[in-house]
């Protein structure tokens, strides 16, 4: 996956890595209030980007599993869904939750 998509948005990995850096800088302290607020705001934006990517990935997985489980699909109905849904409370590695990424996907 590229760092930016053709629409100019951040890719998941780039947003996640930048978010990790923002959190580290905030935790390290030593910044002014204004700098801290700017970092926090950037972290919120990055968490939203990560959440949209994760929500989109979940939707694609759900669609693929639904298609597979429909009559005429391959595999036993529900067999893969149980495995895939075991992690349905997807989290972006615990980082975006710390910054407050409660947004949903695009257009929601």
N, C-alpha and C. Protein backbone atom coordinates (compact mmCIF):
# COMPACT_ATOMS: atom_id res chain seq x y z
N UNK A 1 0.85 -1.17 0.00
CA UNK A 1 0.00 0.00 0.00
C UNK A 1 0.89 1.24 0.00
N UNK A 2 0.52 2.25 -0.75
CA UNK A 2 1.32 3.47 -0.82
C UNK A 2 1.01 4.37 0.36
N UNK A 3 1.91 5.31 0.60
CA UNK A 3 1.72 6.22 1.73
C UNK A 3 0.49 7.10 1.53
N UNK A 4 0.24 7.50 0.32
CA UNK A 4 -0.95 8.29 0.02
C UNK A 4 -1.70 7.61 -1.12
N UNK A 5 -3.01 7.67 -1.04
CA UNK A 5 -3.80 7.09 -2.11
C UNK A 5 -3.89 8.10 -3.23
N UNK A 6 -4.49 7.71 -4.34
CA UNK A 6 -4.61 8.64 -5.46
C UNK A 6 -5.51 9.83 -5.13
N UNK A 7 -6.29 9.75 -4.06
CA UNK A 7 -7.14 10.86 -3.65
C UNK A 7 -6.40 11.83 -2.73
N UNK A 8 -5.15 11.53 -2.39
CA UNK A 8 -4.36 12.43 -1.56
C UNK A 8 -4.55 12.22 -0.07
N UNK A 9 -5.25 11.17 0.34
CA UNK A 9 -5.40 10.92 1.76
C UNK A 9 -4.26 10.05 2.26
N UNK A 10 -4.01 10.11 3.53
CA UNK A 10 -2.95 9.29 4.12
C UNK A 10 -3.33 7.82 4.06
N UNK A 11 -2.35 6.99 3.82
CA UNK A 11 -2.55 5.56 3.94
C UNK A 11 -2.59 5.17 5.40
N UNK A 12 -3.11 3.99 5.69
CA UNK A 12 -3.24 3.55 7.08
C UNK A 12 -1.89 3.52 7.80
N UNK A 13 -0.91 2.90 7.18
CA UNK A 13 0.37 2.73 7.85
C UNK A 13 1.04 4.06 8.14
N UNK A 14 0.95 4.99 7.19
CA UNK A 14 1.57 6.30 7.42
C UNK A 14 0.84 7.05 8.53
N UNK A 15 -0.49 7.01 8.51
CA UNK A 15 -1.26 7.69 9.56
C UNK A 15 -0.98 7.07 10.92
N UNK A 16 -0.90 5.74 10.98
CA UNK A 16 -0.62 5.04 12.24
C UNK A 16 0.76 5.42 12.77
N UNK A 17 1.76 5.41 11.89
CA UNK A 17 3.12 5.73 12.32
C UNK A 17 3.23 7.17 12.81
N UNK A 18 2.58 8.08 12.11
CA UNK A 18 2.60 9.48 12.55
C UNK A 18 1.86 9.63 13.88
N UNK A 19 0.76 8.90 14.04
CA UNK A 19 0.00 8.95 15.28
C UNK A 19 0.85 8.45 16.45
N UNK A 20 1.58 7.38 16.23
CA UNK A 20 2.47 6.86 17.27
C UNK A 20 3.49 7.92 17.67
N UNK A 21 4.04 8.62 16.68
CA UNK A 21 5.01 9.67 16.96
C UNK A 21 4.37 10.81 17.75
N UNK A 22 3.16 11.19 17.39
CA UNK A 22 2.45 12.26 18.12
C UNK A 22 2.25 11.86 19.57
N UNK A 23 1.80 10.63 19.79
CA UNK A 23 1.57 10.17 21.17
C UNK A 23 2.87 10.16 21.96
N UNK A 24 3.94 9.70 21.36
CA UNK A 24 5.25 9.71 22.05
C UNK A 24 5.66 11.12 22.44
N UNK A 25 5.46 12.05 21.51
CA UNK A 25 5.85 13.44 21.80
C UNK A 25 5.00 14.02 22.92
N UNK A 26 3.71 13.71 22.92
CA UNK A 26 2.85 14.21 23.99
C UNK A 26 3.22 13.59 25.33
N UNK A 27 3.51 12.31 25.32
CA UNK A 27 3.87 11.64 26.57
C UNK A 27 5.21 12.10 27.11
N UNK A 28 6.12 12.48 26.21
CA UNK A 28 7.44 12.93 26.63
C UNK A 28 7.38 14.28 27.33
N UNK A 29 6.37 15.08 26.98
CA UNK A 29 6.23 16.39 27.59
C UNK A 29 7.27 17.36 27.05
N UNK A 30 7.45 18.46 27.76
CA UNK A 30 8.45 19.44 27.36
C UNK A 30 8.00 20.37 26.25
N UNK A 31 6.71 20.32 25.89
CA UNK A 31 6.21 21.22 24.86
C UNK A 31 5.33 22.27 25.52
N UNK A 32 5.17 23.37 24.82
CA UNK A 32 4.30 24.42 25.32
C UNK A 32 2.85 23.96 25.22
N UNK A 33 1.99 24.67 25.88
CA UNK A 33 0.56 24.35 25.82
C UNK A 33 0.07 24.41 24.38
N UNK A 34 0.47 25.43 23.66
CA UNK A 34 0.04 25.59 22.27
C UNK A 34 0.54 24.42 21.41
N UNK A 35 1.79 24.03 21.60
CA UNK A 35 2.34 22.89 20.85
C UNK A 35 1.61 21.59 21.21
N UNK A 36 1.33 21.44 22.48
CA UNK A 36 0.61 20.24 22.93
C UNK A 36 -0.79 20.17 22.32
N UNK A 37 -1.47 21.30 22.29
CA UNK A 37 -2.81 21.34 21.69
C UNK A 37 -2.74 21.02 20.19
N UNK A 38 -1.75 21.56 19.52
CA UNK A 38 -1.59 21.28 18.08
C UNK A 38 -1.31 19.79 17.86
N UNK A 39 -0.47 19.21 18.70
CA UNK A 39 -0.19 17.78 18.60
C UNK A 39 -1.45 16.97 18.86
N UNK A 40 -2.21 17.34 19.87
CA UNK A 40 -3.44 16.63 20.20
C UNK A 40 -4.41 16.68 19.02
N UNK A 41 -4.58 17.86 18.44
CA UNK A 41 -5.49 18.00 17.29
C UNK A 41 -5.02 17.14 16.12
N UNK A 42 -3.72 17.13 15.86
CA UNK A 42 -3.19 16.29 14.79
C UNK A 42 -3.44 14.81 15.10
N UNK A 43 -3.24 14.44 16.35
CA UNK A 43 -3.51 13.06 16.75
C UNK A 43 -4.96 12.67 16.53
N UNK A 44 -5.88 13.57 16.82
CA UNK A 44 -7.30 13.31 16.59
C UNK A 44 -7.56 13.07 15.10
N UNK A 45 -6.97 13.91 14.26
CA UNK A 45 -7.15 13.75 12.80
C UNK A 45 -6.59 12.41 12.34
N UNK A 46 -5.41 12.07 12.82
CA UNK A 46 -4.78 10.81 12.42
C UNK A 46 -5.57 9.61 12.90
N UNK A 47 -6.12 9.69 14.11
CA UNK A 47 -6.94 8.60 14.64
C UNK A 47 -8.19 8.40 13.77
N UNK A 48 -8.77 9.49 13.29
CA UNK A 48 -9.94 9.38 12.40
C UNK A 48 -9.57 8.70 11.10
N UNK A 49 -8.41 9.05 10.55
CA UNK A 49 -7.95 8.42 9.31
C UNK A 49 -7.78 6.92 9.55
N UNK A 50 -7.13 6.55 10.64
CA UNK A 50 -6.92 5.13 10.94
C UNK A 50 -8.26 4.42 11.11
N UNK A 51 -9.19 5.03 11.82
CA UNK A 51 -10.50 4.42 12.04
C UNK A 51 -11.24 4.20 10.72
N UNK A 52 -11.16 5.18 9.81
CA UNK A 52 -11.83 5.02 8.51
C UNK A 52 -11.24 3.84 7.74
N UNK A 53 -9.90 3.73 7.76
CA UNK A 53 -9.24 2.60 7.09
C UNK A 53 -9.68 1.28 7.70
N UNK A 54 -9.70 1.21 9.03
CA UNK A 54 -10.09 -0.03 9.70
C UNK A 54 -11.56 -0.36 9.47
N UNK A 55 -12.42 0.64 9.49
CA UNK A 55 -13.84 0.41 9.21
C UNK A 55 -14.04 -0.08 7.78
N UNK A 56 -13.29 0.51 6.86
CA UNK A 56 -13.37 0.08 5.46
C UNK A 56 -12.89 -1.35 5.28
N UNK A 57 -11.82 -1.70 5.98
CA UNK A 57 -11.30 -3.07 5.90
C UNK A 57 -12.32 -4.04 6.48
N UNK A 58 -12.94 -3.68 7.60
CA UNK A 58 -13.96 -4.54 8.21
C UNK A 58 -15.14 -4.72 7.26
N UNK A 59 -15.57 -3.66 6.62
CA UNK A 59 -16.70 -3.76 5.68
C UNK A 59 -16.34 -4.68 4.51
N UNK A 60 -15.13 -4.57 4.01
CA UNK A 60 -14.70 -5.44 2.90
C UNK A 60 -14.66 -6.90 3.34
N UNK A 61 -14.15 -7.16 4.53
CA UNK A 61 -14.11 -8.53 5.05
C UNK A 61 -15.53 -9.08 5.23
N UNK A 62 -16.40 -8.27 5.82
CA UNK A 62 -17.78 -8.71 6.02
C UNK A 62 -18.46 -9.01 4.70
N UNK A 63 -18.24 -8.15 3.71
CA UNK A 63 -18.85 -8.37 2.39
C UNK A 63 -18.32 -9.65 1.75
N UNK A 64 -17.03 -9.89 1.87
CA UNK A 64 -16.44 -11.10 1.29
C UNK A 64 -16.97 -12.34 1.99
N UNK A 65 -17.10 -12.28 3.31
CA UNK A 65 -17.61 -13.43 4.06
C UNK A 65 -19.08 -13.67 3.75
N UNK A 66 -19.85 -12.60 3.62
CA UNK A 66 -21.26 -12.74 3.28
C UNK A 66 -21.41 -13.37 1.91
N UNK A 67 -20.62 -12.89 0.95
CA UNK A 67 -20.68 -13.43 -0.40
C UNK A 67 -20.30 -14.91 -0.40
N UNK A 68 -19.30 -15.24 0.36
CA UNK A 68 -18.84 -16.63 0.42
C UNK A 68 -19.87 -17.53 1.08
N UNK A 69 -20.59 -17.01 2.07
CA UNK A 69 -21.56 -17.81 2.81
C UNK A 69 -22.92 -17.92 2.13
N UNK A 70 -23.14 -17.13 1.08
CA UNK A 70 -24.41 -17.20 0.36
C UNK A 70 -24.50 -18.51 -0.40
N UNK A 71 -25.73 -18.96 -0.71
CA UNK A 71 -25.87 -20.18 -1.50
C UNK A 71 -25.06 -20.08 -2.79
N UNK A 72 -24.35 -21.14 -3.09
CA UNK A 72 -23.50 -21.14 -4.27
C UNK A 72 -22.09 -20.67 -3.98
N UNK A 73 -21.87 -20.16 -2.75
CA UNK A 73 -20.53 -19.73 -2.35
C UNK A 73 -19.71 -20.93 -1.96
N UNK A 74 -18.45 -20.70 -1.69
CA UNK A 74 -17.56 -21.80 -1.31
C UNK A 74 -17.49 -21.92 0.21
N UNK A 75 -17.28 -23.09 0.69
CA UNK A 75 -17.09 -23.29 2.13
C UNK A 75 -18.39 -23.45 2.88
N UNK A 76 -18.29 -23.89 4.09
CA UNK A 76 -19.46 -24.09 4.94
C UNK A 76 -19.93 -22.74 5.47
N UNK A 77 -21.25 -22.52 5.45
CA UNK A 77 -21.77 -21.23 5.95
C UNK A 77 -21.35 -21.00 7.39
N UNK A 78 -20.84 -19.81 7.64
CA UNK A 78 -20.47 -19.41 8.99
C UNK A 78 -19.13 -19.91 9.48
N UNK A 79 -18.49 -20.81 8.75
CA UNK A 79 -17.23 -21.37 9.23
C UNK A 79 -16.16 -20.30 9.35
N UNK A 80 -15.98 -19.50 8.31
CA UNK A 80 -14.96 -18.46 8.35
C UNK A 80 -15.40 -17.29 9.20
N UNK A 81 -16.69 -17.02 9.26
CA UNK A 81 -17.19 -15.88 10.00
C UNK A 81 -16.83 -15.98 11.48
N UNK A 82 -16.90 -17.15 12.04
CA UNK A 82 -16.57 -17.32 13.45
C UNK A 82 -15.14 -16.91 13.71
N UNK A 83 -14.22 -17.32 12.86
CA UNK A 83 -12.82 -16.96 13.02
C UNK A 83 -12.62 -15.47 12.83
N UNK A 84 -13.21 -14.90 11.78
CA UNK A 84 -13.02 -13.48 11.48
C UNK A 84 -13.66 -12.60 12.53
N UNK A 85 -14.81 -13.02 13.06
CA UNK A 85 -15.51 -12.18 14.02
C UNK A 85 -14.90 -12.21 15.41
N UNK A 86 -13.98 -13.15 15.64
CA UNK A 86 -13.37 -13.21 16.96
C UNK A 86 -12.60 -11.94 17.27
N UNK A 87 -12.23 -11.19 16.25
CA UNK A 87 -11.54 -9.92 16.47
C UNK A 87 -12.36 -8.74 16.03
N UNK A 88 -13.68 -8.86 16.06
CA UNK A 88 -14.52 -7.81 15.51
C UNK A 88 -14.43 -6.51 16.27
N UNK A 89 -13.92 -6.50 17.46
CA UNK A 89 -13.73 -5.24 18.17
C UNK A 89 -12.42 -4.63 17.75
N UNK A 90 -12.21 -4.52 16.45
CA UNK A 90 -10.91 -4.11 15.93
C UNK A 90 -10.46 -2.79 16.53
N UNK A 91 -9.20 -2.74 16.78
CA UNK A 91 -8.57 -1.58 17.39
C UNK A 91 -7.33 -1.31 16.59
N UNK A 92 -6.90 -0.11 16.53
CA UNK A 92 -5.73 0.20 15.73
C UNK A 92 -4.47 0.08 16.57
N UNK A 93 -4.33 -1.04 17.24
CA UNK A 93 -3.14 -1.28 18.02
C UNK A 93 -3.14 -0.56 19.34
N UNK A 94 -4.28 -0.06 19.77
CA UNK A 94 -4.38 0.60 21.06
C UNK A 94 -3.94 2.05 21.03
N UNK A 95 -3.39 2.50 19.92
CA UNK A 95 -2.86 3.86 19.89
C UNK A 95 -3.97 4.86 19.63
N UNK A 96 -4.79 4.63 18.61
CA UNK A 96 -5.81 5.63 18.30
C UNK A 96 -6.83 5.74 19.41
N UNK A 97 -7.07 4.65 20.13
CA UNK A 97 -8.00 4.73 21.25
C UNK A 97 -7.49 5.68 22.31
N UNK A 98 -6.18 5.74 22.48
CA UNK A 98 -5.61 6.64 23.47
C UNK A 98 -5.75 8.10 23.06
N UNK A 99 -5.81 8.32 21.75
CA UNK A 99 -5.89 9.69 21.27
C UNK A 99 -7.34 10.10 21.09
N UNK A 100 -8.23 9.13 20.97
CA UNK A 100 -9.66 9.46 20.89
C UNK A 100 -10.20 9.32 19.50
N UNK A 101 -9.95 8.22 18.81
CA UNK A 101 -10.42 8.03 17.44
C UNK A 101 -11.79 7.39 17.40
N UNK A 102 -12.83 8.02 17.88
CA UNK A 102 -14.15 7.45 17.90
C UNK A 102 -14.96 7.71 16.66
N UNK A 103 -14.37 8.21 15.62
CA UNK A 103 -15.10 8.50 14.40
C UNK A 103 -15.43 7.24 13.63
N UNK A 104 -16.43 7.35 12.81
CA UNK A 104 -16.78 6.23 11.94
C UNK A 104 -16.24 6.51 10.55
N UNK A 105 -16.52 5.61 9.64
CA UNK A 105 -15.99 5.70 8.28
C UNK A 105 -16.46 6.90 7.52
N UNK A 106 -15.96 7.06 6.28
CA UNK A 106 -16.29 8.22 5.47
C UNK A 106 -17.77 8.30 5.16
N UNK A 107 -18.29 9.50 5.16
CA UNK A 107 -19.67 9.73 4.80
C UNK A 107 -20.66 9.25 5.83
N UNK A 108 -20.23 9.00 7.05
CA UNK A 108 -21.15 8.52 8.07
C UNK A 108 -21.37 9.57 9.09
